[in-house]
N, C-alpha and C. Protein backbone atom coordinates (compact mmCIF):
# COMPACT_ATOMS: atom_id res chain seq x y z
N MET A 1 15.05 12.16 -1.81
CA MET A 1 15.90 11.62 -0.78
C MET A 1 16.64 12.75 -0.07
N VAL A 2 17.10 13.73 -0.82
CA VAL A 2 17.81 14.84 -0.20
C VAL A 2 16.87 15.61 0.72
N ALA A 3 15.64 15.83 0.28
CA ALA A 3 14.66 16.53 1.12
C ALA A 3 14.39 15.74 2.39
N GLY A 4 14.31 14.43 2.27
CA GLY A 4 14.10 13.58 3.45
C GLY A 4 15.25 13.69 4.44
N LEU A 5 16.47 13.78 3.93
CA LEU A 5 17.63 13.94 4.82
C LEU A 5 17.59 15.29 5.53
N PHE A 6 17.16 16.34 4.83
CA PHE A 6 17.03 17.64 5.47
C PHE A 6 15.94 17.60 6.56
N LEU A 7 14.82 16.95 6.26
CA LEU A 7 13.76 16.83 7.27
C LEU A 7 14.25 16.03 8.47
N HIS A 8 15.00 14.97 8.21
CA HIS A 8 15.55 14.16 9.30
C HIS A 8 16.51 14.99 10.16
N ALA A 9 17.38 15.75 9.52
CA ALA A 9 18.31 16.60 10.26
C ALA A 9 17.57 17.65 11.08
N ASP A 10 16.50 18.21 10.52
CA ASP A 10 15.72 19.21 11.25
C ASP A 10 15.05 18.60 12.47
N LEU A 11 14.49 17.41 12.32
CA LEU A 11 13.88 16.74 13.47
C LEU A 11 14.91 16.43 14.55
N ARG A 12 16.09 16.00 14.15
CA ARG A 12 17.15 15.72 15.14
C ARG A 12 17.56 17.00 15.85
N ARG A 13 17.66 18.10 15.10
CA ARG A 13 18.06 19.38 15.69
C ARG A 13 17.05 19.85 16.73
N ARG A 14 15.75 19.65 16.43
CA ARG A 14 14.71 20.08 17.34
C ARG A 14 14.37 19.03 18.39
N ASP A 15 15.10 17.92 18.39
CA ASP A 15 14.89 16.80 19.32
C ASP A 15 13.46 16.25 19.20
N GLY A 16 12.98 16.16 17.97
CA GLY A 16 11.63 15.65 17.74
C GLY A 16 11.61 14.34 16.98
N LEU A 17 12.77 13.73 16.84
CA LEU A 17 12.85 12.50 16.06
C LEU A 17 12.42 11.31 16.91
N LEU A 18 11.42 10.58 16.42
CA LEU A 18 11.01 9.32 17.05
C LEU A 18 11.65 8.20 16.25
N ARG A 19 12.67 7.58 16.82
CA ARG A 19 13.43 6.58 16.08
C ARG A 19 12.58 5.40 15.58
N PRO A 20 11.67 4.84 16.39
CA PRO A 20 10.85 3.74 15.83
C PRO A 20 10.02 4.18 14.63
N ALA A 21 9.50 5.41 14.66
CA ALA A 21 8.71 5.90 13.53
C ALA A 21 9.60 6.09 12.31
N TRP A 22 10.81 6.60 12.52
CA TRP A 22 11.72 6.80 11.40
C TRP A 22 12.12 5.46 10.79
N TRP A 23 12.49 4.49 11.63
CA TRP A 23 12.87 3.17 11.12
C TRP A 23 11.68 2.47 10.47
N SER A 24 10.50 2.75 10.97
CA SER A 24 9.30 2.20 10.33
C SER A 24 9.18 2.69 8.90
N GLY A 25 9.37 3.97 8.70
CA GLY A 25 9.32 4.53 7.35
C GLY A 25 10.40 3.98 6.45
N VAL A 26 11.59 3.79 7.00
CA VAL A 26 12.69 3.22 6.21
C VAL A 26 12.34 1.79 5.78
N CYS A 27 11.89 0.98 6.72
CA CYS A 27 11.55 -0.42 6.40
C CYS A 27 10.37 -0.52 5.44
N LEU A 28 9.35 0.31 5.63
CA LEU A 28 8.20 0.30 4.72
C LEU A 28 8.61 0.75 3.32
N GLY A 29 9.48 1.73 3.24
CA GLY A 29 9.95 2.19 1.94
C GLY A 29 10.79 1.14 1.23
N ILE A 30 11.71 0.51 1.95
CA ILE A 30 12.54 -0.54 1.35
C ILE A 30 11.67 -1.71 0.90
N GLY A 31 10.80 -2.18 1.79
CA GLY A 31 9.96 -3.33 1.46
C GLY A 31 9.00 -3.05 0.33
N GLY A 32 8.38 -1.87 0.35
CA GLY A 32 7.44 -1.51 -0.71
C GLY A 32 8.12 -1.40 -2.06
N PHE A 33 9.28 -0.75 -2.09
CA PHE A 33 9.99 -0.63 -3.36
C PHE A 33 10.47 -1.99 -3.85
N GLN A 34 11.01 -2.80 -2.94
CA GLN A 34 11.52 -4.10 -3.34
C GLN A 34 10.41 -5.01 -3.88
N LEU A 35 9.25 -4.98 -3.24
CA LEU A 35 8.12 -5.79 -3.71
C LEU A 35 7.62 -5.28 -5.07
N TYR A 36 7.52 -3.97 -5.22
CA TYR A 36 7.12 -3.38 -6.50
C TYR A 36 8.13 -3.74 -7.59
N ASP A 37 9.41 -3.58 -7.28
CA ASP A 37 10.46 -3.85 -8.25
C ASP A 37 10.45 -5.32 -8.67
N GLY A 38 10.30 -6.22 -7.70
CA GLY A 38 10.34 -7.64 -8.01
C GLY A 38 9.12 -8.14 -8.76
N THR A 39 7.96 -7.57 -8.48
CA THR A 39 6.74 -8.06 -9.13
C THR A 39 6.39 -7.29 -10.39
N VAL A 40 6.36 -5.98 -10.32
CA VAL A 40 5.93 -5.18 -11.46
C VAL A 40 7.04 -5.05 -12.50
N GLN A 41 8.20 -4.57 -12.08
CA GLN A 41 9.25 -4.30 -13.06
C GLN A 41 9.90 -5.58 -13.59
N HIS A 42 10.18 -6.53 -12.70
CA HIS A 42 10.85 -7.75 -13.17
C HIS A 42 9.91 -8.71 -13.87
N LYS A 43 8.71 -8.91 -13.33
CA LYS A 43 7.81 -9.93 -13.87
C LYS A 43 6.83 -9.38 -14.90
N ARG A 44 6.11 -8.32 -14.56
CA ARG A 44 5.07 -7.81 -15.46
C ARG A 44 5.67 -7.08 -16.67
N LEU A 45 6.62 -6.18 -16.41
CA LEU A 45 7.20 -5.37 -17.48
C LEU A 45 8.46 -5.98 -18.09
N ARG A 46 9.02 -6.96 -17.42
CA ARG A 46 10.25 -7.65 -17.85
C ARG A 46 11.41 -6.68 -18.06
N LEU A 47 11.52 -5.68 -17.17
CA LEU A 47 12.65 -4.75 -17.20
C LEU A 47 13.78 -5.30 -16.34
N HIS A 48 14.96 -5.03 -16.72
CA HIS A 48 16.21 -5.40 -16.03
C HIS A 48 16.11 -6.72 -15.27
N GLN A 49 16.05 -7.80 -16.05
CA GLN A 49 16.01 -9.13 -15.45
C GLN A 49 17.30 -9.41 -14.69
N ILE A 50 17.18 -10.17 -13.59
CA ILE A 50 18.33 -10.46 -12.73
C ILE A 50 19.30 -11.41 -13.42
N ARG A 51 18.81 -12.55 -13.81
CA ARG A 51 19.65 -13.58 -14.46
C ARG A 51 18.95 -14.02 -15.75
N TYR A 52 19.74 -14.22 -16.78
CA TYR A 52 19.16 -14.58 -18.07
C TYR A 52 19.30 -16.06 -18.41
N ASP A 53 20.32 -16.74 -17.91
CA ASP A 53 20.58 -18.12 -18.31
C ASP A 53 20.27 -19.14 -17.24
N VAL A 54 19.58 -18.75 -16.19
CA VAL A 54 19.23 -19.68 -15.11
C VAL A 54 17.76 -19.52 -14.77
N ASP A 55 17.27 -20.44 -13.95
CA ASP A 55 15.88 -20.36 -13.48
C ASP A 55 15.77 -19.21 -12.47
N PRO A 56 14.96 -18.19 -12.74
CA PRO A 56 14.90 -17.03 -11.85
C PRO A 56 14.03 -17.22 -10.61
N ARG A 57 13.30 -18.34 -10.51
CA ARG A 57 12.37 -18.50 -9.38
C ARG A 57 13.03 -18.41 -8.01
N PRO A 58 14.19 -19.04 -7.75
CA PRO A 58 14.79 -18.87 -6.42
C PRO A 58 15.13 -17.41 -6.11
N TYR A 59 15.59 -16.69 -7.11
CA TYR A 59 15.90 -15.28 -6.91
C TYR A 59 14.62 -14.49 -6.64
N ASP A 60 13.58 -14.75 -7.40
CA ASP A 60 12.31 -14.05 -7.23
C ASP A 60 11.71 -14.30 -5.85
N TRP A 61 11.69 -15.57 -5.43
CA TRP A 61 11.14 -15.89 -4.11
C TRP A 61 11.93 -15.21 -3.00
N THR A 62 13.26 -15.28 -3.10
CA THR A 62 14.09 -14.65 -2.07
C THR A 62 13.84 -13.15 -2.03
N TRP A 63 13.82 -12.51 -3.18
CA TRP A 63 13.62 -11.07 -3.27
C TRP A 63 12.28 -10.66 -2.66
N ASN A 64 11.22 -11.38 -3.00
CA ASN A 64 9.89 -11.02 -2.53
C ASN A 64 9.67 -11.38 -1.06
N VAL A 65 10.25 -12.48 -0.60
CA VAL A 65 10.12 -12.82 0.83
C VAL A 65 10.84 -11.79 1.68
N ILE A 66 12.02 -11.37 1.26
CA ILE A 66 12.73 -10.32 2.01
C ILE A 66 11.92 -9.02 1.99
N ALA A 67 11.28 -8.71 0.87
CA ALA A 67 10.44 -7.50 0.79
C ALA A 67 9.29 -7.58 1.79
N VAL A 68 8.64 -8.72 1.87
CA VAL A 68 7.52 -8.88 2.82
C VAL A 68 8.03 -8.80 4.25
N LEU A 69 9.21 -9.33 4.53
CA LEU A 69 9.77 -9.23 5.88
C LEU A 69 10.05 -7.77 6.25
N PHE A 70 10.57 -7.00 5.30
CA PHE A 70 10.77 -5.57 5.56
C PHE A 70 9.44 -4.87 5.81
N LEU A 71 8.41 -5.21 5.04
CA LEU A 71 7.10 -4.59 5.25
C LEU A 71 6.53 -4.95 6.62
N LEU A 72 6.68 -6.21 7.03
CA LEU A 72 6.19 -6.62 8.35
C LEU A 72 6.96 -5.92 9.47
N ALA A 73 8.27 -5.80 9.31
CA ALA A 73 9.06 -5.08 10.32
C ALA A 73 8.65 -3.62 10.38
N GLY A 74 8.38 -3.01 9.22
CA GLY A 74 7.94 -1.62 9.21
C GLY A 74 6.59 -1.44 9.88
N LEU A 75 5.68 -2.36 9.64
CA LEU A 75 4.37 -2.28 10.30
C LEU A 75 4.47 -2.47 11.80
N LEU A 76 5.32 -3.40 12.22
CA LEU A 76 5.53 -3.62 13.65
C LEU A 76 6.11 -2.38 14.31
N LEU A 77 7.12 -1.78 13.69
CA LEU A 77 7.72 -0.57 14.24
C LEU A 77 6.73 0.59 14.23
N TRP A 78 5.91 0.68 13.20
CA TRP A 78 4.91 1.75 13.13
C TRP A 78 3.90 1.60 14.26
N HIS A 79 3.48 0.36 14.51
CA HIS A 79 2.54 0.10 15.61
C HIS A 79 3.18 0.47 16.95
N ARG A 80 4.44 0.12 17.13
CA ARG A 80 5.12 0.44 18.38
C ARG A 80 5.33 1.95 18.51
N ALA A 81 5.58 2.64 17.41
CA ALA A 81 5.79 4.09 17.47
C ALA A 81 4.49 4.83 17.78
N ARG A 82 3.35 4.29 17.38
CA ARG A 82 2.06 4.94 17.62
C ARG A 82 1.55 4.69 19.04
N ARG A 83 2.01 3.67 19.71
CA ARG A 83 1.51 3.31 21.04
C ARG A 83 1.65 4.45 22.07
N PRO A 84 2.79 5.13 22.17
CA PRO A 84 2.88 6.22 23.16
C PRO A 84 1.91 7.36 22.88
N VAL A 85 1.57 7.61 21.63
CA VAL A 85 0.63 8.68 21.30
C VAL A 85 -0.75 8.34 21.86
N ARG A 86 -1.17 7.09 21.72
CA ARG A 86 -2.48 6.67 22.24
C ARG A 86 -2.51 6.70 23.76
N GLU A 87 -1.41 6.30 24.41
CA GLU A 87 -1.38 6.28 25.87
C GLU A 87 -1.39 7.68 26.44
N ARG A 88 -0.77 8.66 25.74
CA ARG A 88 -0.76 10.04 26.24
C ARG A 88 -2.13 10.68 26.14
N SER A 89 -2.97 10.25 25.20
CA SER A 89 -4.26 10.88 25.01
C SER A 89 -5.31 10.40 26.01
N ARG A 90 -5.01 9.41 26.82
CA ARG A 90 -5.98 8.91 27.82
C ARG A 90 -6.06 9.78 29.04
């Protein structure tokens, strides 16, 4: 994370930061981690369960739906960030 912040600062200093591409990476990272955490760590490995005395399904569905929404937003932003590159090459 620290290295990523240094890279981000360097891109801003050189005026090379593409905000849609950066936000795409943030959304893809959040969504990917959240989906991995909710499915692999919580369900498959049973590590750090959210709630112990209630039905976890509403929490699981909410967690995973939000993860998929972040992934979709990241893909949309990535597609939008790549569009100017394709138009310049024509």
